[in-house]
Amino acid sequence: MRPRRALRIAAASVVCLVLVWGAATAALYAAMRQPPETFGRIMSHVPSIAMVVVPFKPLWMSARSGPLQVGDPAPDFALPMLQGDRTVTLSTEYRQKPVVLVFGSYT
């Protein structure tokens, strides 16, 4: 009788762990779909071990992928110049000369 009970307890523990892992994964995915400020506030409370236990990179790539595909034209946007004297619009710049968009940091 003892081995059966131990087996049931082990099976229930595994099911419980899988459910907790699934809930944590779903919660992290939902957080990733939020604006960056909200996501940052949520992640400040998540322990580091979560990055090992939960498939962070695939979730991130799925949650933040957006509708654009490789080869699609960049959506038009307008940004103020650093000096603040005018606004730069992608469509206007693209008509005048080729445009390269670099997203990242050089520091």
N, C-alpha and C. Protein backbone atom coordinates (compact mmCIF):
# COMPACT_ATOMS: atom_id res chain seq x y z
N MET A 1 0.81 -1.19 0.00
CA MET A 1 0.00 0.00 0.00
C MET A 1 0.86 1.26 0.00
N ARG A 2 1.98 1.25 0.65
CA ARG A 2 2.85 2.42 0.74
C ARG A 2 3.38 2.88 -0.61
N PRO A 3 3.87 1.97 -1.47
CA PRO A 3 4.40 2.43 -2.76
C PRO A 3 3.33 3.14 -3.62
N ARG A 4 2.09 2.68 -3.57
CA ARG A 4 1.03 3.32 -4.34
C ARG A 4 0.77 4.75 -3.85
N ARG A 5 0.75 4.89 -2.56
CA ARG A 5 0.52 6.22 -1.99
C ARG A 5 1.66 7.17 -2.36
N ALA A 6 2.89 6.68 -2.26
CA ALA A 6 4.05 7.50 -2.62
C ALA A 6 4.00 7.87 -4.10
N LEU A 7 3.57 6.94 -4.94
CA LEU A 7 3.45 7.21 -6.38
C LEU A 7 2.39 8.28 -6.65
N ARG A 8 1.25 8.20 -5.94
CA ARG A 8 0.19 9.20 -6.10
C ARG A 8 0.67 10.58 -5.65
N ILE A 9 1.37 10.62 -4.55
CA ILE A 9 1.89 11.90 -4.05
C ILE A 9 2.89 12.49 -5.05
N ALA A 10 3.77 11.63 -5.59
CA ALA A 10 4.75 12.10 -6.57
C ALA A 10 4.05 12.61 -7.83
N ALA A 11 3.05 11.88 -8.29
CA ALA A 11 2.32 12.30 -9.49
C ALA A 11 1.59 13.62 -9.25
N ALA A 12 0.97 13.77 -8.10
CA ALA A 12 0.28 15.01 -7.77
C ALA A 12 1.27 16.17 -7.68
N SER A 13 2.46 15.92 -7.15
CA SER A 13 3.48 16.96 -7.04
C SER A 13 3.94 17.41 -8.43
N VAL A 14 4.13 16.45 -9.32
CA VAL A 14 4.55 16.78 -10.69
C VAL A 14 3.47 17.59 -11.39
N VAL A 15 2.22 17.20 -11.26
CA VAL A 15 1.12 17.94 -11.86
C VAL A 15 1.07 19.36 -11.31
N CYS A 16 1.24 19.48 -10.01
CA CYS A 16 1.23 20.80 -9.38
C CYS A 16 2.37 21.67 -9.90
N LEU A 17 3.56 21.11 -10.02
CA LEU A 17 4.71 21.86 -10.55
C LEU A 17 4.49 22.30 -11.99
N VAL A 18 3.91 21.41 -12.80
CA VAL A 18 3.63 21.75 -14.20
C VAL A 18 2.61 22.88 -14.28
N LEU A 19 1.59 22.83 -13.44
CA LEU A 19 0.58 23.90 -13.43
C LEU A 19 1.18 25.23 -12.99
N VAL A 20 2.03 25.20 -11.97
CA VAL A 20 2.68 26.43 -11.50
C VAL A 20 3.60 26.98 -12.58
N TRP A 21 4.37 26.11 -13.24
CA TRP A 21 5.27 26.53 -14.32
C TRP A 21 4.46 27.14 -15.46
N GLY A 22 3.36 26.51 -15.83
CA GLY A 22 2.51 27.03 -16.90
C GLY A 22 1.91 28.38 -16.55
N ALA A 23 1.47 28.54 -15.31
CA ALA A 23 0.91 29.82 -14.87
C ALA A 23 1.98 30.90 -14.87
N ALA A 24 3.19 30.57 -14.40
CA ALA A 24 4.28 31.54 -14.38
C ALA A 24 4.68 31.95 -15.80
N THR A 25 4.72 30.98 -16.71
CA THR A 25 5.04 31.26 -18.11
C THR A 25 3.99 32.16 -18.74
N ALA A 26 2.73 31.86 -18.51
CA ALA A 26 1.64 32.67 -19.05
C ALA A 26 1.66 34.08 -18.48
N ALA A 27 1.94 34.21 -17.19
CA ALA A 27 2.00 35.53 -16.56
C ALA A 27 3.17 36.34 -17.12
N LEU A 28 4.31 35.72 -17.32
CA LEU A 28 5.46 36.42 -17.88
C LEU A 28 5.18 36.85 -19.32
N TYR A 29 4.54 36.00 -20.10
CA TYR A 29 4.18 36.34 -21.47
C TYR A 29 3.22 37.54 -21.49
N ALA A 30 2.24 37.52 -20.59
CA ALA A 30 1.30 38.64 -20.51
C ALA A 30 2.03 39.93 -20.13
N ALA A 31 3.01 39.83 -19.25
CA ALA A 31 3.79 41.01 -18.86
C ALA A 31 4.62 41.52 -20.03
N MET A 32 5.14 40.63 -20.83
CA MET A 32 5.96 41.02 -21.98
C MET A 32 5.15 41.77 -23.03
N ARG A 33 3.86 41.58 -23.05
CA ARG A 33 3.00 42.24 -24.03
C ARG A 33 2.63 43.66 -23.60
N GLN A 34 3.05 44.06 -22.42
CA GLN A 34 2.75 45.40 -21.90
C GLN A 34 3.76 46.42 -22.42
N PRO A 35 3.46 47.71 -22.28
CA PRO A 35 4.44 48.73 -22.66
C PRO A 35 5.73 48.56 -21.85
N PRO A 36 6.86 49.03 -22.39
CA PRO A 36 8.16 48.82 -21.71
C PRO A 36 8.20 49.27 -20.25
N GLU A 37 7.56 50.40 -19.93
CA GLU A 37 7.59 50.88 -18.55
C GLU A 37 6.90 49.90 -17.61
N THR A 38 5.75 49.40 -18.03
CA THR A 38 5.00 48.43 -17.21
C THR A 38 5.78 47.13 -17.09
N PHE A 39 6.32 46.67 -18.21
CA PHE A 39 7.11 45.43 -18.20
C PHE A 39 8.31 45.56 -17.25
N GLY A 40 8.98 46.69 -17.29
CA GLY A 40 10.13 46.92 -16.41
C GLY A 40 9.75 46.88 -14.94
N ARG A 41 8.60 47.50 -14.60
CA ARG A 41 8.14 47.48 -13.21
C ARG A 41 7.84 46.05 -12.77
N ILE A 42 7.21 45.28 -13.64
CA ILE A 42 6.89 43.89 -13.29
C ILE A 42 8.17 43.08 -13.13
N MET A 43 9.11 43.23 -14.07
CA MET A 43 10.33 42.43 -14.03
C MET A 43 11.21 42.77 -12.84
N SER A 44 11.06 43.96 -12.27
CA SER A 44 11.86 44.30 -11.10
C SER A 44 11.49 43.45 -9.89
N HIS A 45 10.35 42.79 -9.94
CA HIS A 45 9.90 41.94 -8.84
C HIS A 45 10.10 40.45 -9.13
N VAL A 46 10.57 40.11 -10.33
CA VAL A 46 10.74 38.70 -10.72
C VAL A 46 12.15 38.25 -10.32
N PRO A 47 12.26 37.13 -9.61
CA PRO A 47 13.59 36.65 -9.21
C PRO A 47 14.41 36.19 -10.42
N SER A 48 15.72 36.29 -10.33
CA SER A 48 16.62 35.94 -11.44
C SER A 48 16.47 34.50 -11.88
N ILE A 49 16.17 33.60 -10.98
CA ILE A 49 16.05 32.18 -11.32
C ILE A 49 14.94 31.94 -12.34
N ALA A 50 13.99 32.86 -12.41
CA ALA A 50 12.90 32.72 -13.38
C ALA A 50 13.42 32.71 -14.81
N MET A 51 14.52 33.41 -15.07
CA MET A 51 15.09 33.44 -16.42
C MET A 51 15.65 32.08 -16.83
N VAL A 52 15.98 31.25 -15.85
CA VAL A 52 16.49 29.91 -16.13
C VAL A 52 15.34 28.92 -16.28
N VAL A 53 14.33 29.08 -15.46
CA VAL A 53 13.23 28.12 -15.39
C VAL A 53 12.21 28.33 -16.51
N VAL A 54 11.94 29.58 -16.86
CA VAL A 54 10.93 29.91 -17.87
C VAL A 54 11.64 30.19 -19.19
N PRO A 55 11.08 29.74 -20.32
CA PRO A 55 11.74 29.96 -21.62
C PRO A 55 11.66 31.43 -22.04
N PHE A 56 12.50 32.27 -21.46
CA PHE A 56 12.42 33.72 -21.63
C PHE A 56 12.58 34.16 -23.08
N LYS A 57 13.62 33.72 -23.76
CA LYS A 57 13.89 34.21 -25.11
C LYS A 57 12.78 33.87 -26.10
N PRO A 58 12.28 32.63 -26.19
CA PRO A 58 11.18 32.37 -27.12
C PRO A 58 9.92 33.18 -26.78
N LEU A 59 9.65 33.34 -25.49
CA LEU A 59 8.49 34.15 -25.10
C LEU A 59 8.68 35.59 -25.56
N TRP A 60 9.87 36.13 -25.33
CA TRP A 60 10.16 37.52 -25.70
C TRP A 60 10.04 37.71 -27.21
N MET A 61 10.60 36.80 -27.97
CA MET A 61 10.57 36.92 -29.43
C MET A 61 9.13 36.86 -29.95
N SER A 62 8.31 36.06 -29.33
CA SER A 62 6.91 35.96 -29.73
C SER A 62 6.11 37.18 -29.28
N ALA A 63 6.30 37.60 -28.04
CA ALA A 63 5.50 38.69 -27.48
C ALA A 63 5.82 40.03 -28.13
N ARG A 64 7.06 40.26 -28.51
CA ARG A 64 7.47 41.55 -29.03
C ARG A 64 7.72 41.56 -30.53
N SER A 65 7.29 40.52 -31.25
CA SER A 65 7.62 40.42 -32.67
C SER A 65 6.92 41.47 -33.52
N GLY A 66 5.66 41.78 -33.23
CA GLY A 66 4.94 42.77 -34.02
C GLY A 66 4.49 42.21 -35.36
N PRO A 67 3.77 43.00 -36.13
CA PRO A 67 3.19 42.49 -37.37
C PRO A 67 4.13 42.54 -38.57
N LEU A 68 5.25 43.27 -38.49
CA LEU A 68 6.13 43.39 -39.65
C LEU A 68 6.91 42.12 -39.89
N GLN A 69 7.15 41.85 -41.18
CA GLN A 69 7.96 40.71 -41.59
C GLN A 69 9.19 41.24 -42.32
N VAL A 70 10.19 40.40 -42.49
CA VAL A 70 11.39 40.78 -43.23
C VAL A 70 10.98 41.18 -44.64
N GLY A 71 11.46 42.33 -45.08
CA GLY A 71 11.15 42.82 -46.43
C GLY A 71 10.00 43.81 -46.47
N ASP A 72 9.21 43.92 -45.39
CA ASP A 72 8.12 44.89 -45.34
C ASP A 72 8.71 46.30 -45.23
N PRO A 73 8.03 47.28 -45.84
CA PRO A 73 8.52 48.66 -45.68
C PRO A 73 8.32 49.13 -44.24
N ALA A 74 9.22 49.97 -43.79
CA ALA A 74 9.11 50.53 -42.44
C ALA A 74 7.89 51.43 -42.35
N PRO A 75 7.15 51.37 -41.26
CA PRO A 75 6.02 52.29 -41.11
C PRO A 75 6.51 53.73 -40.96
N ASP A 76 5.71 54.65 -41.45
CA ASP A 76 6.10 56.06 -41.36
C ASP A 76 6.04 56.52 -39.91
N PHE A 77 6.94 57.41 -39.53
CA PHE A 77 6.95 57.98 -38.19
C PHE A 77 7.55 59.37 -38.25
N ALA A 78 7.30 60.16 -37.22
CA ALA A 78 7.86 61.50 -37.10
C ALA A 78 8.52 61.61 -35.73
N LEU A 79 9.73 62.17 -35.71
CA LEU A 79 10.47 62.35 -34.46
C LEU A 79 11.03 63.77 -34.40
N PRO A 80 11.05 64.36 -33.21
CA PRO A 80 11.64 65.70 -33.09
C PRO A 80 13.17 65.59 -33.17
N MET A 81 13.78 66.61 -33.76
CA MET A 81 15.24 66.68 -33.81
C MET A 81 15.76 66.93 -32.40
N LEU A 82 17.01 66.58 -32.15
CA LEU A 82 17.60 66.79 -30.83
C LEU A 82 17.60 68.27 -30.45
N GLN A 83 17.84 69.14 -31.43
CA GLN A 83 17.83 70.57 -31.15
C GLN A 83 16.41 71.09 -30.97
N GLY A 84 15.40 70.33 -31.43
CA GLY A 84 14.01 70.71 -31.25
C GLY A 84 13.51 71.74 -32.23
N ASP A 85 14.29 72.05 -33.27
CA ASP A 85 13.86 73.09 -34.21
C ASP A 85 12.93 72.57 -35.31
N ARG A 86 12.92 71.25 -35.54
CA ARG A 86 12.01 70.69 -36.55
C ARG A 86 11.75 69.21 -36.26
N THR A 87 10.83 68.65 -37.03
CA THR A 87 10.48 67.24 -36.90
C THR A 87 10.94 66.50 -38.15
N VAL A 88 11.49 65.33 -37.97
CA VAL A 88 11.93 64.50 -39.08
C VAL A 88 10.87 63.42 -39.32
N THR A 89 10.44 63.29 -40.56
CA THR A 89 9.46 62.27 -40.94
C THR A 89 10.13 61.28 -41.88
N LEU A 90 9.96 60.01 -41.65
CA LEU A 90 10.61 58.99 -42.47
C LEU A 90 10.23 59.14 -43.94
N SER A 91 8.97 59.32 -44.23
CA SER A 91 8.53 59.39 -45.63
C SER A 91 9.18 60.58 -46.35
N THR A 92 9.35 61.70 -45.66
CA THR A 92 9.98 62.88 -46.27
C THR A 92 11.46 62.62 -46.53
N GLU A 93 12.14 62.06 -45.55
CA GLU A 93 13.57 61.77 -45.70
C GLU A 93 13.81 60.73 -46.80
N TYR A 94 12.94 59.73 -46.87
CA TYR A 94 13.11 58.65 -47.84
C TYR A 94 12.94 59.16 -49.27
N ARG A 95 12.08 60.16 -49.47
CA ARG A 95 11.90 60.73 -50.80
C ARG A 95 13.16 61.45 -51.27
N GLN A 96 13.93 62.01 -50.34
CA GLN A 96 15.11 62.81 -50.69
C GLN A 96 16.37 61.96 -50.87
N LYS A 97 16.50 60.90 -50.06
CA LYS A 97 17.73 60.09 -50.11
C LYS A 97 17.47 58.75 -49.41
N PRO A 98 18.35 57.76 -49.62
CA PRO A 98 18.18 56.49 -48.90
C PRO A 98 18.28 56.71 -47.38
N VAL A 99 17.56 55.90 -46.63
CA VAL A 99 17.53 56.02 -45.17
C VAL A 99 17.91 54.68 -44.56
N VAL A 100 18.78 54.71 -43.56
CA VAL A 100 19.15 53.52 -42.80
C VAL A 100 18.65 53.71 -41.37
N LEU A 101 17.86 52.77 -40.88
CA LEU A 101 17.36 52.82 -39.51
C LEU A 101 18.24 51.92 -38.65
N VAL A 102 18.83 52.49 -37.62
CA VAL A 102 19.66 51.71 -36.71
C VAL A 102 19.01 51.76 -35.33
N PHE A 103 18.65 50.58 -34.81
CA PHE A 103 18.04 50.49 -33.50
C PHE A 103 19.05 49.83 -32.58
N GLY A 104 19.57 50.58 -31.65
CA GLY A 104 20.56 50.02 -30.75
C GLY A 104 21.37 51.14 -30.12
N SER A 105 22.49 50.74 -29.54
CA SER A 105 23.32 51.69 -28.84
C SER A 105 24.78 51.46 -29.24
N TYR A 106 25.49 52.52 -29.32
CA TYR A 106 26.92 52.42 -29.63
C TYR A 106 27.78 52.53 -28.38
N THR A 107 27.15 52.62 -27.22
CA THR A 107 27.92 52.78 -26.00
C THR A 107 28.03 51.48 -25.25
